[in-house]
Protein backbone atom coordinates (compact mmCIF):
# COMPACT_ATOMS: atom_id res chain seq x y z
CA MET A 1 21.34 10.78 52.58
CA TYR A 2 20.31 7.62 50.72
CA GLY A 3 22.19 4.41 51.12
CA ARG A 4 24.28 2.83 48.37
CA LYS A 5 21.67 0.12 47.82
CA VAL A 6 18.84 2.66 47.19
CA LYS A 7 21.00 4.68 44.77
CA LEU A 8 21.92 1.50 42.86
CA ARG A 9 18.24 0.47 42.56
CA PHE A 10 17.29 3.95 41.39
CA PHE A 11 20.07 3.88 38.78
CA PHE A 12 18.88 0.51 37.39
CA ILE A 13 15.24 1.65 37.26
CA VAL A 14 16.23 4.82 35.37
CA LEU A 15 18.42 2.75 33.02
CA ILE A 16 15.58 0.29 32.29
CA LEU A 17 13.09 3.11 31.68
CA ALA A 18 15.51 4.90 29.35
CA THR A 19 16.09 1.66 27.43
CA LEU A 20 12.33 1.07 27.08
CA ILE A 21 11.69 4.61 25.88
CA LEU A 22 14.55 4.44 23.38
CA SER A 23 13.33 1.08 22.08
CA ALA A 24 9.78 2.39 21.67
CA LEU A 25 11.05 5.45 19.78
CA LEU A 26 13.14 3.30 17.44
CA VAL A 27 10.19 0.99 16.70
CA LEU A 28 7.86 3.92 16.03
CA ARG A 29 10.43 5.58 13.76
CA SER A 30 10.89 2.34 11.81
CA LEU A 31 7.13 1.92 11.39
CA GLU A 32 6.75 5.53 10.27
CA GLU A 33 9.27 4.99 7.47
CA ASN A 34 7.41 1.91 6.21
CA VAL A 35 3.91 3.39 6.21
CA ILE A 36 2.33 3.55 2.77
CA TYR A 37 -0.71 5.79 2.51
CA PHE A 38 -3.79 4.69 0.55
CA LYS A 39 -5.59 7.18 -1.69
CA SER A 40 -8.39 7.11 -4.22
CA PRO A 41 -8.25 9.03 -7.53
CA THR A 42 -10.49 11.69 -5.96
CA ASP A 43 -8.06 12.05 -3.02
CA VAL A 44 -5.23 12.53 -5.51
CA GLN A 45 -7.11 15.30 -7.35
CA ILE A 46 -7.52 17.35 -4.16
CA LEU A 47 -3.84 17.10 -3.12
CA SER A 48 -2.23 20.51 -2.71
CA GLU A 49 1.23 19.29 -3.70
CA ILE A 50 2.71 16.05 -5.01
CA GLN A 51 5.30 14.43 -2.76
CA ASN A 52 7.86 11.88 -3.90
CA THR A 53 6.72 9.22 -1.42
CA LYS A 54 5.34 5.76 -2.11
CA ILE A 55 1.54 5.58 -1.97
CA ARG A 56 -1.20 3.15 -2.90
CA ILE A 57 -4.03 4.14 -5.20
CA GLY A 58 -7.13 1.99 -5.22
CA GLY A 59 -10.27 1.76 -7.26
CA MET A 60 -11.73 -0.09 -10.22
CA VAL A 61 -9.97 -0.79 -13.50
CA LYS A 62 -11.90 1.19 -16.10
CA GLU A 63 -13.55 -0.84 -18.87
CA ASP A 64 -11.61 -0.87 -22.16
CA SER A 65 -8.62 0.91 -20.59
CA ILE A 66 -6.02 -1.88 -20.44
CA ASN A 67 -3.32 -1.40 -23.07
CA ILE A 68 -0.04 -3.34 -23.30
CA ILE A 69 2.82 -1.75 -25.24
CA ASP A 70 6.37 -3.22 -25.18
CA LYS A 71 5.92 -5.12 -21.89
CA GLU A 72 4.44 -1.99 -20.30
CA LEU A 73 0.91 -2.15 -18.98
CA ASN A 74 -1.18 1.01 -19.16
CA PHE A 75 -4.61 1.23 -17.58
CA ILE A 76 -6.93 3.64 -15.80
CA ILE A 77 -8.04 3.41 -12.17
CA THR A 78 -11.36 5.06 -11.44
CA ASP A 79 -13.50 5.65 -8.37
CA PHE A 80 -16.40 6.66 -10.67
CA LYS A 81 -15.75 10.34 -9.90
CA ASN A 82 -12.16 10.79 -11.02
CA GLU A 83 -9.61 8.75 -12.95
CA ILE A 84 -5.85 8.32 -12.92
CA ASN A 85 -3.63 6.79 -15.62
CA VAL A 86 -1.32 4.04 -14.38
CA VAL A 87 1.78 2.60 -16.04
CA TYR A 88 3.30 -0.67 -14.79
CA SER A 89 6.04 -3.05 -15.94
CA GLY A 90 5.96 -6.49 -14.43
CA VAL A 91 3.78 -9.48 -13.73
CA VAL A 92 0.14 -8.77 -12.91
CA PRO A 93 -1.99 -10.94 -10.60
CA ASN A 94 -4.43 -13.43 -12.11
CA LEU A 95 -7.39 -11.49 -10.71
CA PHE A 96 -6.39 -8.30 -12.54
CA ALA A 97 -9.07 -7.48 -15.13
CA GLU A 98 -11.25 -4.66 -16.42
CA GLY A 99 -14.12 -3.80 -14.13
CA LYS A 100 -12.40 -5.41 -11.11
CA GLY A 101 -10.94 -3.81 -8.01
CA VAL A 102 -7.23 -3.06 -7.93
CA VAL A 103 -4.65 -1.39 -5.71
CA ALA A 104 -1.51 -0.01 -7.34
CA GLU A 105 1.54 0.80 -5.23
CA GLY A 106 4.10 3.26 -6.52
CA TYR A 107 4.84 6.92 -7.08
CA LEU A 108 2.64 9.77 -8.22
CA LYS A 109 4.15 11.72 -11.14
CA ASP A 110 1.34 14.27 -11.35
CA LYS A 111 -2.36 14.37 -10.50
CA SER A 112 -3.30 12.28 -13.52
CA PHE A 113 -0.32 9.92 -13.90
CA PHE A 114 0.87 7.17 -11.56
CA SER A 115 3.93 4.95 -11.98
CA ALA A 116 3.22 1.62 -10.26
CA THR A 117 5.85 -0.68 -8.80
CA LYS A 118 3.37 -3.31 -7.62
CA ILE A 119 -0.19 -4.29 -8.57
CA LEU A 120 -2.49 -5.90 -6.03
CA ALA A 121 -5.80 -7.27 -7.32
CA LYS A 122 -8.72 -7.21 -4.91
CA HIS A 123 -11.47 -9.77 -4.53
CA ASP A 124 -14.55 -10.13 -2.37
CA GLU A 125 -15.21 -12.56 0.46
CA ASN A 126 -16.82 -15.03 -1.97
CA TYR A 127 -13.62 -15.48 -3.99
CA MET A 128 -12.54 -19.04 -4.69
CA PRO A 129 -9.33 -19.98 -6.56
CA PRO A 130 -10.08 -21.36 -10.05
CA GLU A 131 -8.53 -24.76 -9.21
CA VAL A 132 -10.79 -25.21 -6.18
CA LYS A 133 -13.84 -24.05 -8.13
CA ALA A 134 -13.11 -26.57 -10.91
CA ALA A 135 -12.66 -29.39 -8.39
CA ILE A 136 -16.00 -28.60 -6.75
CA GLU A 137 -17.80 -28.45 -10.10
CA GLU A 138 -16.44 -31.91 -11.04
CA LYS A 139 -17.99 -33.47 -7.94
């Protein structure tokens, strides 16, 4: 019914479409595995069950909550409604301080305890590195 040339074109079009669909599915699957969800302490309190997946918890470091014991940093993240205790071993960013914004990445042990694998300090749009600030003040 159809000539050999038409069948060959149809075969290549189907092959290209199948390759594109497969590639898109693989990319989406890869992105899905690397997604890290962001939650506040209040979001954690309303969770129905705790999953063993990596999440990020953000908020403010509570005043007078930073405690260092045997190279282990303990502090409390608050969103001024709820709080969560965080434990972290490693190097903290220079901007990490009480009363400042922070995002901790890691695993939730229960609704009030978080084991961080990474600490990300947040700053506002007016932030200037200390070296640049000192250079400007000298001039």
